[in-house]
């Protein structure tokens, strides 16, 4: 759901003036409006997405989920988190935003399409003993990861991070609404 507030009427110097202001709220969630907010948003999204994907992959490797998976995932998060931040903030994120024309669902899908193979490659290089089967192991890892990344991002990570982000930056967002 997209809400756009377009026209605000005001009285200034005893004359009625019309000034436009555009405030975009997508699904009730605020999106980053400046570089600082983009960094915070990316850190939050990286943590939620990468931690879940690491838990998923460890459970696949162990043959199932157990409590120790949650703790073990933090060890890999230290390595994979910075990689994901760099890839998302500097490479995939800007491309996804340009290609998606700022539609949240499209940005999320394009981010998954870019981040899943790249993070699967990083995991293959760092954590899998692929040997001369590197391409095959990377492809298999990507195929296994894609459904989880897709549904986790669209159904949980994206909405949760945007909601928390909106709570954190709600006042700042209201203050930044400026008149043209």
Protein backbone atom coordinates (compact mmCIF):
# COMPACT_ATOMS: atom_id res chain seq x y z
CA UNK A 1 0.00 0.00 0.00
CA UNK A 2 1.47 3.39 -1.00
CA UNK A 3 0.32 6.64 0.55
CA UNK A 4 1.29 9.92 -1.06
CA UNK A 5 0.43 13.21 0.60
CA UNK A 6 0.54 15.73 -2.22
CA UNK A 7 -0.91 19.10 -1.36
CA UNK A 8 -0.78 21.15 1.81
CA UNK A 9 -2.57 24.47 2.05
CA UNK A 10 -1.20 27.12 4.38
CA UNK A 11 -1.70 30.72 5.29
CA UNK A 12 1.32 32.98 5.01
CA UNK A 13 1.31 36.77 5.13
CA UNK A 14 -2.49 36.82 4.98
CA UNK A 15 -2.58 35.10 1.60
CA UNK A 16 -3.57 31.59 0.79
CA UNK A 17 -0.76 29.63 -0.82
CA UNK A 18 -0.61 26.09 -2.04
CA UNK A 19 2.58 24.17 -1.57
CA UNK A 20 3.26 20.59 -2.47
CA UNK A 21 5.03 18.07 -0.36
CA UNK A 22 5.47 14.42 -1.12
CA UNK A 23 5.76 11.90 1.67
CA UNK A 24 5.99 8.31 0.56
CA UNK A 25 5.12 5.54 2.97
CA UNK A 26 5.15 2.10 1.45
CA UNK A 27 3.00 -0.38 3.30
CA UNK A 28 3.15 1.85 6.37
CA UNK A 29 6.95 1.52 6.52
CA UNK A 30 9.44 4.29 5.95
CA UNK A 31 12.37 3.79 3.60
CA UNK A 32 15.81 5.39 4.05
CA UNK A 33 16.05 8.99 2.86
CA UNK A 34 19.77 9.75 3.32
CA UNK A 35 23.13 7.93 3.41
CA UNK A 36 23.18 7.54 7.20
CA UNK A 37 19.73 5.92 7.13
CA UNK A 38 20.77 3.71 4.19
CA UNK A 39 23.78 2.46 6.20
CA UNK A 40 21.62 1.69 9.26
CA UNK A 41 18.92 0.04 7.12
CA UNK A 42 21.53 -2.08 5.30
CA UNK A 43 23.15 -3.17 8.58
CA UNK A 44 19.76 -4.18 9.97
CA UNK A 45 18.76 -6.06 6.81
CA UNK A 46 22.16 -7.76 6.53
CA UNK A 47 21.95 -8.99 10.11
CA UNK A 48 18.43 -10.39 9.74
CA UNK A 49 18.98 -11.94 6.30
CA UNK A 50 22.52 -13.26 6.74
CA UNK A 51 21.91 -14.72 10.21
CA UNK A 52 18.81 -16.58 8.99
CA UNK A 53 20.59 -17.84 5.87
CA UNK A 54 23.58 -19.02 7.92
CA UNK A 55 21.24 -20.89 10.30
CA UNK A 56 19.53 -22.43 7.29
CA UNK A 57 22.80 -23.57 5.72
CA UNK A 58 24.25 -24.94 8.96
CA UNK A 59 21.06 -26.92 9.53
CA UNK A 60 21.29 -28.30 5.98
CA UNK A 61 24.90 -29.36 6.62
CA UNK A 62 24.01 -30.93 10.00
CA UNK A 63 21.00 -32.76 8.61
CA UNK A 64 18.48 -30.76 10.64
CA UNK A 65 17.90 -27.87 12.99
CA UNK A 66 19.11 -27.89 16.59
CA UNK A 67 19.73 -25.30 19.29
CA UNK A 68 23.47 -25.29 18.63
CA UNK A 69 22.80 -23.96 15.10
CA UNK A 70 21.77 -20.58 16.52
CA UNK A 71 25.05 -20.13 18.38
CA UNK A 72 27.22 -21.54 15.60
CA UNK A 73 25.66 -19.06 13.17
CA UNK A 74 27.15 -16.10 15.07
CA UNK A 75 30.66 -17.36 14.30
CA UNK A 76 29.99 -17.25 10.55
CA UNK A 77 28.04 -13.98 10.85
CA UNK A 78 31.27 -12.21 11.82
CA UNK A 79 32.70 -13.19 8.43
CA UNK A 80 29.61 -13.15 6.21
CA UNK A 81 28.01 -9.99 7.63
CA UNK A 82 30.68 -7.56 6.38
CA UNK A 83 30.80 -9.31 3.01
CA UNK A 84 27.02 -9.00 2.66
CA UNK A 85 27.10 -5.33 3.72
CA UNK A 86 29.74 -4.45 1.13
CA UNK A 87 27.99 -6.37 -1.65
CA UNK A 88 24.54 -4.99 -0.80
CA UNK A 89 25.47 -1.37 -0.06
CA UNK A 90 27.93 -0.82 -2.90
CA UNK A 91 26.92 -3.27 -5.64
CA UNK A 92 23.54 -5.01 -5.50
CA UNK A 93 21.53 -2.34 -3.63
CA UNK A 94 22.22 0.54 -6.02
CA UNK A 95 21.53 -1.67 -9.05
CA UNK A 96 18.31 -3.01 -7.53
CA UNK A 97 17.09 0.50 -6.70
CA UNK A 98 17.77 1.76 -10.23
CA UNK A 99 16.14 -1.23 -11.89
CA UNK A 100 13.13 -1.30 -9.57
CA UNK A 101 12.19 2.36 -9.80
CA UNK A 102 11.85 2.48 -5.99
CA UNK A 103 9.09 -0.11 -5.63
CA UNK A 104 9.79 -2.03 -2.44
CA UNK A 105 8.74 -5.46 -3.68
CA UNK A 106 10.81 -5.12 -6.85
CA UNK A 107 13.83 -3.86 -4.88
CA UNK A 108 13.55 -6.87 -2.55
CA UNK A 109 13.29 -9.35 -5.41
CA UNK A 110 16.18 -7.79 -7.34
CA UNK A 111 18.28 -7.76 -4.16
CA UNK A 112 17.61 -11.47 -3.66
CA UNK A 113 18.51 -12.20 -7.29
CA UNK A 114 21.85 -10.42 -6.81
CA UNK A 115 22.70 -11.26 -3.20
CA UNK A 116 21.82 -14.98 -3.16
CA UNK A 117 24.35 -16.09 -5.81
CA UNK A 118 27.04 -13.72 -4.51
CA UNK A 119 26.65 -14.75 -0.86
CA UNK A 120 26.44 -18.40 -1.92
CA UNK A 121 29.74 -17.90 -3.75
CA UNK A 122 31.30 -16.36 -0.64
CA UNK A 123 30.02 -19.25 1.51
CA UNK A 124 31.27 -21.79 -1.04
CA UNK A 125 34.74 -20.24 -1.09
CA UNK A 126 34.98 -19.79 2.69
CA UNK A 127 33.14 -22.74 4.21
CA UNK A 128 32.78 -25.56 1.70
CA UNK A 129 35.56 -27.87 0.64
CA UNK A 130 34.57 -27.74 -3.02
CA UNK A 131 37.94 -28.56 -4.54
CA UNK A 132 37.72 -28.90 -8.31
CA UNK A 133 33.90 -28.97 -8.07
CA UNK A 134 33.71 -25.31 -7.07
CA UNK A 135 31.27 -24.25 -9.82
CA UNK A 136 28.96 -27.22 -9.17
CA UNK A 137 29.01 -26.69 -5.38
CA UNK A 138 28.38 -22.95 -5.82
CA UNK A 139 25.45 -23.66 -8.16
CA UNK A 140 23.97 -26.23 -5.77
CA UNK A 141 24.41 -23.88 -2.81
CA UNK A 142 22.67 -21.09 -4.73
CA UNK A 143 19.79 -23.37 -5.73
CA UNK A 144 19.32 -24.55 -2.13
CA UNK A 145 19.57 -21.02 -0.74
CA UNK A 146 17.31 -19.22 -3.20
CA UNK A 147 13.88 -20.39 -1.96
CA UNK A 148 14.82 -19.68 1.66
CA UNK A 149 16.28 -16.26 0.81
CA UNK A 150 13.26 -15.37 -1.32
CA UNK A 151 10.57 -16.19 1.20
CA UNK A 152 12.55 -15.06 4.25
CA UNK A 153 13.21 -11.66 2.67
CA UNK A 154 9.68 -11.06 1.40
CA UNK A 155 7.71 -12.51 4.30
CA UNK A 156 9.85 -11.80 7.36
CA UNK A 157 13.16 -9.93 7.08
CA UNK A 158 11.95 -7.14 4.80
CA UNK A 159 8.73 -6.27 6.66
CA UNK A 160 10.33 -6.61 10.12
CA UNK A 161 13.38 -4.49 9.27
CA UNK A 162 11.26 -1.81 7.55
CA UNK A 163 8.91 -1.68 10.56
CA UNK A 164 11.76 -1.38 13.08
CA UNK A 165 13.52 1.13 10.82
CA UNK A 166 10.31 3.19 10.65
CA UNK A 167 10.03 3.20 14.45
CA UNK A 168 13.66 4.30 14.84
CA UNK A 169 13.50 7.06 12.22
CA UNK A 170 9.84 8.09 12.43
CA UNK A 171 10.50 11.48 14.04
CA UNK A 172 13.41 12.24 11.72
CA UNK A 173 11.25 11.35 8.71
CA UNK A 174 8.51 13.74 9.86
CA UNK A 175 11.00 16.54 10.38
CA UNK A 176 12.49 16.10 6.90
CA UNK A 177 9.20 16.75 5.11
CA UNK A 178 9.94 20.05 3.42
CA UNK A 179 7.86 22.42 1.35
CA UNK A 180 8.76 23.01 -2.29
